[in-house]
């Protein structure tokens, strides 16, 4: 079973329906045994980094998530869930993240409107990554965020240009992060999740 981690922050129903449209069966859970035995983990999230990491710590989910990643099985973080993968965030202070990907999450300090909200096209950094299998470069996806992963050079798979280079998809080994919402990105988002389905079913 693919587990959507329930830590109290996230549009869980919308994420679950988005994965279902891609043919991925999921269960929303915070049960430690179910997380440990999952086929893959999905880490959603909306809101502030501080609240999210505090909730994960309060529920004692941080170490189980790290242990799951060490097992080699796939995990995908969405929006705030992607930001939680990094070492630190500076949203409303300085907070340690899961540390699964090197780098920080910083405020999107630009002249354009923030939050970065709406449809933006993706440019490919790594054309051969499996997650891009069913989409074309310049496909549009839906973003809603005011903070971004400011240092994702090695892990960068695809990005959007919004005055700055905004990491849209990152990957470190078996861990993926999507800054945009695939469940709100129409057929393109569904096709990204279908590619993820092939990965977790290998």
C-alpha atoms as a PDB file:
ATOM      1  CA  UNK A   1       0.000   0.000   0.000  1.00  0.00           C
ATOM      2  CA  UNK A   2       1.115   3.566  -0.751  1.00  0.00           C
ATOM      3  CA  UNK A   3       0.727   5.693   2.362  1.00  0.00           C
ATOM      4  CA  UNK A   4      -0.165   9.386   2.354  1.00  0.00           C
ATOM      5  CA  UNK A   5       1.378  10.602   5.605  1.00  0.00           C
ATOM      6  CA  UNK A   6      -1.266  12.292   7.750  1.00  0.00           C
ATOM      7  CA  UNK A   7       0.367  14.800  10.083  1.00  0.00           C
ATOM      8  CA  UNK A   8      -2.524  17.256  10.189  1.00  0.00           C
ATOM      9  CA  UNK A   9      -1.448  19.616   7.393  1.00  0.00           C
ATOM     10  CA  UNK A  10      -2.331  18.850   3.822  1.00  0.00           C
ATOM     11  CA  UNK A  11      -5.160  18.566   1.352  1.00  0.00           C
ATOM     12  CA  UNK A  12      -5.290  14.831   1.924  1.00  0.00           C
ATOM     13  CA  UNK A  13      -8.516  14.125   0.066  1.00  0.00           C
ATOM     14  CA  UNK A  14      -7.410  16.020  -3.021  1.00  0.00           C
ATOM     15  CA  UNK A  15      -4.026  14.265  -3.036  1.00  0.00           C
ATOM     16  CA  UNK A  16      -5.671  10.865  -2.601  1.00  0.00           C
ATOM     17  CA  UNK A  17      -8.043  11.507  -5.515  1.00  0.00           C
ATOM     18  CA  UNK A  18      -5.180  12.737  -7.688  1.00  0.00           C
ATOM     19  CA  UNK A  19      -3.208   9.548  -7.121  1.00  0.00           C
ATOM     20  CA  UNK A  20      -6.338   7.457  -7.704  1.00  0.00           C
ATOM     21  CA  UNK A  21      -6.803   9.076 -11.133  1.00  0.00           C
ATOM     22  CA  UNK A  22      -3.263   7.925 -11.964  1.00  0.00           C
ATOM     23  CA  UNK A  23      -4.145   4.374 -10.901  1.00  0.00           C
ATOM     24  CA  UNK A  24      -2.254   4.498  -7.599  1.00  0.00           C
ATOM     25  CA  UNK A  25      -4.092   3.090  -4.617  1.00  0.00           C
ATOM     26  CA  UNK A  26      -3.331   5.012  -1.431  1.00  0.00           C
ATOM     27  CA  UNK A  27      -4.239   5.068   2.236  1.00  0.00           C
ATOM     28  CA  UNK A  28      -4.108   8.110   4.510  1.00  0.00           C
ATOM     29  CA  UNK A  29      -2.352   7.126   7.724  1.00  0.00           C
ATOM     30  CA  UNK A  30      -0.029   8.171  10.540  1.00  0.00           C
ATOM     31  CA  UNK A  31       0.311   4.635  11.896  1.00  0.00           C
ATOM     32  CA  UNK A  32       4.005   3.844  12.368  1.00  0.00           C
ATOM     33  CA  UNK A  33       3.668   0.202  11.331  1.00  0.00           C
ATOM     34  CA  UNK A  34       1.812   1.127   8.142  1.00  0.00           C
ATOM     35  CA  UNK A  35       4.429   3.755   7.319  1.00  0.00           C
ATOM     36  CA  UNK A  36       7.265   1.288   7.878  1.00  0.00           C
ATOM     37  CA  UNK A  37       5.637  -1.364   5.682  1.00  0.00           C
ATOM     38  CA  UNK A  38       4.403   0.955   2.929  1.00  0.00           C
ATOM     39  CA  UNK A  39       5.263   0.340  -0.719  1.00  0.00           C
ATOM     40  CA  UNK A  40       5.908   4.071  -1.055  1.00  0.00           C
ATOM     41  CA  UNK A  41       5.318   7.212   0.998  1.00  0.00           C
ATOM     42  CA  UNK A  42       3.603  10.410  -0.093  1.00  0.00           C
ATOM     43  CA  UNK A  43       4.325  13.500   2.010  1.00  0.00           C
ATOM     44  CA  UNK A  44       1.772  16.229   1.231  1.00  0.00           C
ATOM     45  CA  UNK A  45       1.533  19.629   2.843  1.00  0.00           C
ATOM     46  CA  UNK A  46      -0.004  23.078   2.800  1.00  0.00           C
ATOM     47  CA  UNK A  47       0.763  25.911   5.203  1.00  0.00           C
ATOM     48  CA  UNK A  48       3.903  26.889   7.081  1.00  0.00           C
ATOM     49  CA  UNK A  49       7.094  24.827   7.341  1.00  0.00           C
ATOM     50  CA  UNK A  50       7.323  25.520  11.088  1.00  0.00           C
ATOM     51  CA  UNK A  51       3.890  24.032  11.769  1.00  0.00           C
ATOM     52  CA  UNK A  52       4.566  21.043   9.536  1.00  0.00           C
ATOM     53  CA  UNK A  53       7.916  20.016  11.014  1.00  0.00           C
ATOM     54  CA  UNK A  54       6.588  20.578  14.536  1.00  0.00           C
ATOM     55  CA  UNK A  55       3.655  18.295  13.770  1.00  0.00           C
ATOM     56  CA  UNK A  56       5.937  15.593  12.375  1.00  0.00           C
ATOM     57  CA  UNK A  57       8.093  15.806  15.488  1.00  0.00           C
ATOM     58  CA  UNK A  58       5.102  15.784  17.850  1.00  0.00           C
ATOM     59  CA  UNK A  59       3.746  12.658  16.159  1.00  0.00           C
ATOM     60  CA  UNK A  60       7.223  11.047  16.242  1.00  0.00           C
ATOM     61  CA  UNK A  61       7.142  10.559  12.478  1.00  0.00           C
ATOM     62  CA  UNK A  62      10.520  12.095  11.565  1.00  0.00           C
ATOM     63  CA  UNK A  63      12.703   9.074  12.266  1.00  0.00           C
ATOM     64  CA  UNK A  64      10.266   6.553  10.753  1.00  0.00           C
ATOM     65  CA  UNK A  65      10.226   8.605   7.543  1.00  0.00           C
ATOM     66  CA  UNK A  66      14.035   8.718   7.472  1.00  0.00           C
ATOM     67  CA  UNK A  67      14.222   4.979   8.127  1.00  0.00           C
ATOM     68  CA  UNK A  68      11.752   4.344   5.307  1.00  0.00           C
ATOM     69  CA  UNK A  69      13.922   6.294   2.862  1.00  0.00           C
ATOM     70  CA  UNK A  70      16.996   4.317   3.969  1.00  0.00           C
ATOM     71  CA  UNK A  71      15.149   1.129   3.002  1.00  0.00           C
ATOM     72  CA  UNK A  72      15.415   2.200  -0.636  1.00  0.00           C
ATOM     73  CA  UNK A  73      11.693   2.440  -1.322  1.00  0.00           C
ATOM     74  CA  UNK A  74      10.332   5.521  -3.062  1.00  0.00           C
ATOM     75  CA  UNK A  75       8.981   8.619  -1.376  1.00  0.00           C
ATOM     76  CA  UNK A  76       7.502  11.738  -2.960  1.00  0.00           C
ATOM     77  CA  UNK A  77       6.975  15.116  -1.286  1.00  0.00           C
ATOM     78  CA  UNK A  78       4.412  17.565  -2.684  1.00  0.00           C
ATOM     79  CA  UNK A  79       4.501  21.368  -2.252  1.00  0.00           C
ATOM     80  CA  UNK A  80       5.290  21.944   1.451  1.00  0.00           C
ATOM     81  CA  UNK A  81       6.022  18.216   1.565  1.00  0.00           C
ATOM     82  CA  UNK A  82       8.871  18.802  -0.896  1.00  0.00           C
ATOM     83  CA  UNK A  83      10.244  21.650   1.206  1.00  0.00           C
ATOM     84  CA  UNK A  84      10.275  19.418   4.285  1.00  0.00           C
ATOM     85  CA  UNK A  85      12.790  17.166   2.511  1.00  0.00           C
ATOM     86  CA  UNK A  86      15.502  19.839   2.844  1.00  0.00           C
ATOM     87  CA  UNK A  87      17.904  20.580   5.685  1.00  0.00           C
ATOM     88  CA  UNK A  88      16.516  23.954   6.762  1.00  0.00           C
ATOM     89  CA  UNK A  89      13.743  26.453   6.143  1.00  0.00           C
ATOM     90  CA  UNK A  90      13.751  30.131   7.025  1.00  0.00           C
ATOM     91  CA  UNK A  91       9.976  30.561   7.015  1.00  0.00           C
ATOM     92  CA  UNK A  92       8.983  32.452  10.205  1.00  0.00           C
ATOM     93  CA  UNK A  93      12.351  31.677  11.767  1.00  0.00           C
ATOM     94  CA  UNK A  94      14.931  28.946  11.231  1.00  0.00           C
ATOM     95  CA  UNK A  95      13.788  25.331  11.366  1.00  0.00           C
ATOM     96  CA  UNK A  96      15.459  22.016  10.651  1.00  0.00           C
ATOM     97  CA  UNK A  97      13.814  19.852   8.029  1.00  0.00           C
ATOM     98  CA  UNK A  98      14.105  16.134   7.360  1.00  0.00           C
ATOM     99  CA  UNK A  99      17.566  16.582   5.840  1.00  0.00           C
ATOM    100  CA  UNK A 100      16.959  14.074   3.058  1.00  0.00           C
ATOM    101  CA  UNK A 101      18.157  16.571   0.440  1.00  0.00           C
ATOM    102  CA  UNK A 102      20.965  19.068   0.979  1.00  0.00           C
ATOM    103  CA  UNK A 103      20.069  22.735   0.919  1.00  0.00           C
ATOM    104  CA  UNK A 104      17.705  25.345   2.282  1.00  0.00           C
ATOM    105  CA  UNK A 105      14.215  26.691   1.715  1.00  0.00           C
ATOM    106  CA  UNK A 106      14.114  30.493   1.444  1.00  0.00           C
ATOM    107  CA  UNK A 107      11.570  33.221   0.808  1.00  0.00           C
ATOM    108  CA  UNK A 108      10.894  33.907  -2.852  1.00  0.00           C
ATOM    109  CA  UNK A 109      12.268  37.442  -2.768  1.00  0.00           C
ATOM    110  CA  UNK A 110      11.377  38.773  -6.206  1.00  0.00           C
ATOM    111  CA  UNK A 111       9.614  41.721  -7.837  1.00  0.00           C
ATOM    112  CA  UNK A 112       6.857  39.538  -9.289  1.00  0.00           C
ATOM    113  CA  UNK A 113       3.763  38.740  -7.243  1.00  0.00           C
ATOM    114  CA  UNK A 114       4.290  36.411  -4.285  1.00  0.00           C
ATOM    115  CA  UNK A 115       2.918  33.874  -3.617  1.00  0.00           C
ATOM    116  CA  UNK A 116       3.833  32.336  -6.945  1.00  0.00           C
ATOM    117  CA  UNK A 117       0.342  31.101  -7.724  1.00  0.00           C
ATOM    118  CA  UNK A 118      -0.988  29.683 -10.956  1.00  0.00           C
ATOM    119  CA  UNK A 119       0.161  27.816 -14.035  1.00  0.00           C
ATOM    120  CA  UNK A 120       3.829  27.789 -15.026  1.00  0.00           C
ATOM    121  CA  UNK A 121       5.707  25.754 -17.610  1.00  0.00           C
ATOM    122  CA  UNK A 122       8.428  23.288 -16.704  1.00  0.00           C
ATOM    123  CA  UNK A 123      11.898  23.312 -18.225  1.00  0.00           C
ATOM    124  CA  UNK A 124      13.848  20.055 -18.086  1.00  0.00           C
ATOM    125  CA  UNK A 125      17.253  19.900 -16.397  1.00  0.00           C
ATOM    126  CA  UNK A 126      17.541  16.106 -16.695  1.00  0.00           C
ATOM    127  CA  UNK A 127      15.665  14.901 -19.759  1.00  0.00           C
ATOM    128  CA  UNK A 128      16.220  11.238 -18.955  1.00  0.00           C
ATOM    129  CA  UNK A 129      14.621  11.098 -15.493  1.00  0.00           C
ATOM    130  CA  UNK A 130      11.816   8.538 -15.381  1.00  0.00           C
ATOM    131  CA  UNK A 131       9.363  10.962 -13.755  1.00  0.00           C
ATOM    132  CA  UNK A 132       9.313  12.967 -17.023  1.00  0.00           C
ATOM    133  CA  UNK A 133       8.515   9.930 -19.150  1.00  0.00           C
ATOM    134  CA  UNK A 134       4.953  10.908 -20.068  1.00  0.00           C
ATOM    135  CA  UNK A 135       5.234  14.704 -20.332  1.00  0.00           C
ATOM    136  CA  UNK A 136       6.866  17.142 -22.713  1.00  0.00           C
ATOM    137  CA  UNK A 137       9.097  20.064 -21.873  1.00  0.00           C
ATOM    138  CA  UNK A 138       7.158  23.324 -21.371  1.00  0.00           C
ATOM    139  CA  UNK A 139       4.132  21.440 -20.044  1.00  0.00           C
ATOM    140  CA  UNK A 140       2.178  23.552 -17.550  1.00  0.00           C
ATOM    141  CA  UNK A 141       1.644  22.662 -13.889  1.00  0.00           C
ATOM    142  CA  UNK A 142      -0.012  24.486 -10.986  1.00  0.00           C
ATOM    143  CA  UNK A 143       2.057  26.215  -8.302  1.00  0.00           C
ATOM    144  CA  UNK A 144       1.058  27.837  -4.994  1.00  0.00           C
ATOM    145  CA  UNK A 145       4.038  28.847  -2.812  1.00  0.00           C
ATOM    146  CA  UNK A 146       5.950  31.752  -1.293  1.00  0.00           C
ATOM    147  CA  UNK A 147       9.115  29.828  -0.353  1.00  0.00           C
ATOM    148  CA  UNK A 148      11.308  27.699  -2.596  1.00  0.00           C
ATOM    149  CA  UNK A 149      14.274  25.358  -2.522  1.00  0.00           C
ATOM    150  CA  UNK A 150      17.049  27.843  -3.195  1.00  0.00           C
ATOM    151  CA  UNK A 151      19.883  25.338  -3.646  1.00  0.00           C
ATOM    152  CA  UNK A 152      18.941  22.251  -5.651  1.00  0.00           C
ATOM    153  CA  UNK A 153      21.635  21.981  -8.287  1.00  0.00           C
ATOM    154  CA  UNK A 154      22.554  18.295  -8.119  1.00  0.00           C
ATOM    155  CA  UNK A 155      18.999  17.153  -7.458  1.00  0.00           C
ATOM    156  CA  UNK A 156      17.232  19.372 -10.005  1.00  0.00           C
ATOM    157  CA  UNK A 157      15.126  17.495 -12.564  1.00  0.00           C
ATOM    158  CA  UNK A 158      12.823  20.264 -13.847  1.00  0.00           C
ATOM    159  CA  UNK A 159      12.266  23.920 -13.039  1.00  0.00           C
ATOM    160  CA  UNK A 160      10.004  26.882 -13.691  1.00  0.00           C
ATOM    161  CA  UNK A 161      11.164  30.402 -14.432  1.00  0.00           C
ATOM    162  CA  UNK A 162       9.465  33.032 -12.292  1.00  0.00           C
ATOM    163  CA  UNK A 163      12.071  35.773 -12.182  1.00  0.00           C
ATOM    164  CA  UNK A 164      14.224  33.167 -10.442  1.00  0.00           C
ATOM    165  CA  UNK A 165      14.845  29.546 -11.308  1.00  0.00           C
ATOM    166  CA  UNK A 166      12.254  27.693  -9.231  1.00  0.00           C
ATOM    167  CA  UNK A 167      12.928  23.979  -8.661  1.00  0.00           C
ATOM    168  CA  UNK A 168       9.762  22.211  -9.740  1.00  0.00           C
ATOM    169  CA  UNK A 169      10.923  18.584  -9.557  1.00  0.00           C
ATOM    170  CA  UNK A 170      13.919  17.371  -7.579  1.00  0.00           C
ATOM    171  CA  UNK A 171      15.267  13.902  -6.980  1.00  0.00           C
ATOM    172  CA  UNK A 172      17.863  12.362  -4.737  1.00  0.00           C
ATOM    173  CA  UNK A 173      18.054   8.632  -5.366  1.00  0.00           C
ATOM    174  CA  UNK A 174      14.672   7.241  -4.211  1.00  0.00           C
ATOM    175  CA  UNK A 175      13.284  10.574  -2.965  1.00  0.00           C
ATOM    176  CA  UNK A 176      11.308  12.910  -5.232  1.00  0.00           C
ATOM    177  CA  UNK A 177      10.000  16.384  -4.519  1.00  0.00           C
ATOM    178  CA  UNK A 178       7.377  18.287  -6.513  1.00  0.00           C
ATOM    179  CA  UNK A 179       6.958  21.981  -5.672  1.00  0.00           C
ATOM    180  CA  UNK A 180       3.753  22.178  -7.725  1.00  0.00           C
ATOM    181  CA  UNK A 181       0.523  20.291  -7.084  1.00  0.00           C
ATOM    182  CA  UNK A 182       0.245  17.328  -9.485  1.00  0.00           C
ATOM    183  CA  UNK A 183      -3.289  16.657  -8.260  1.00  0.00           C
ATOM    184  CA  UNK A 184      -4.289  20.148  -9.476  1.00  0.00           C
ATOM    185  CA  UNK A 185      -2.284  20.052 -12.713  1.00  0.00           C
ATOM    186  CA  UNK A 186      -4.723  18.275 -15.008  1.00  0.00           C
ATOM    187  CA  UNK A 187      -3.475  15.659 -17.433  1.00  0.00           C
ATOM    188  CA  UNK A 188       0.167  16.722 -17.031  1.00  0.00           C
ATOM    189  CA  UNK A 189       0.035  16.134 -13.282  1.00  0.00           C
ATOM    190  CA  UNK A 190      -1.707  12.814 -13.819  1.00  0.00           C
ATOM    191  CA  UNK A 191       0.975  11.750 -16.293  1.00  0.00           C
ATOM    192  CA  UNK A 192       3.731  12.619 -13.798  1.00  0.00           C
ATOM    193  CA  UNK A 193       2.004  10.432 -11.202  1.00  0.00           C
ATOM    194  CA  UNK A 194       1.619   7.639 -13.774  1.00  0.00           C
ATOM    195  CA  UNK A 195       5.389   7.746 -14.272  1.00  0.00           C
ATOM    196  CA  UNK A 196       5.816   7.569 -10.500  1.00  0.00           C
ATOM    197  CA  UNK A 197       3.485   4.544 -10.487  1.00  0.00           C
ATOM    198  CA  UNK A 198       5.810   2.735 -12.892  1.00  0.00           C
ATOM    199  CA  UNK A 199       8.768   3.476 -10.639  1.00  0.00           C
ATOM    200  CA  UNK A 200       7.173   2.144  -7.461  1.00  0.00           C
ATOM    201  CA  UNK A 201       5.901  -0.969  -9.213  1.00  0.00           C
ATOM    202  CA  UNK A 202       9.288  -2.015 -10.635  1.00  0.00           C
END
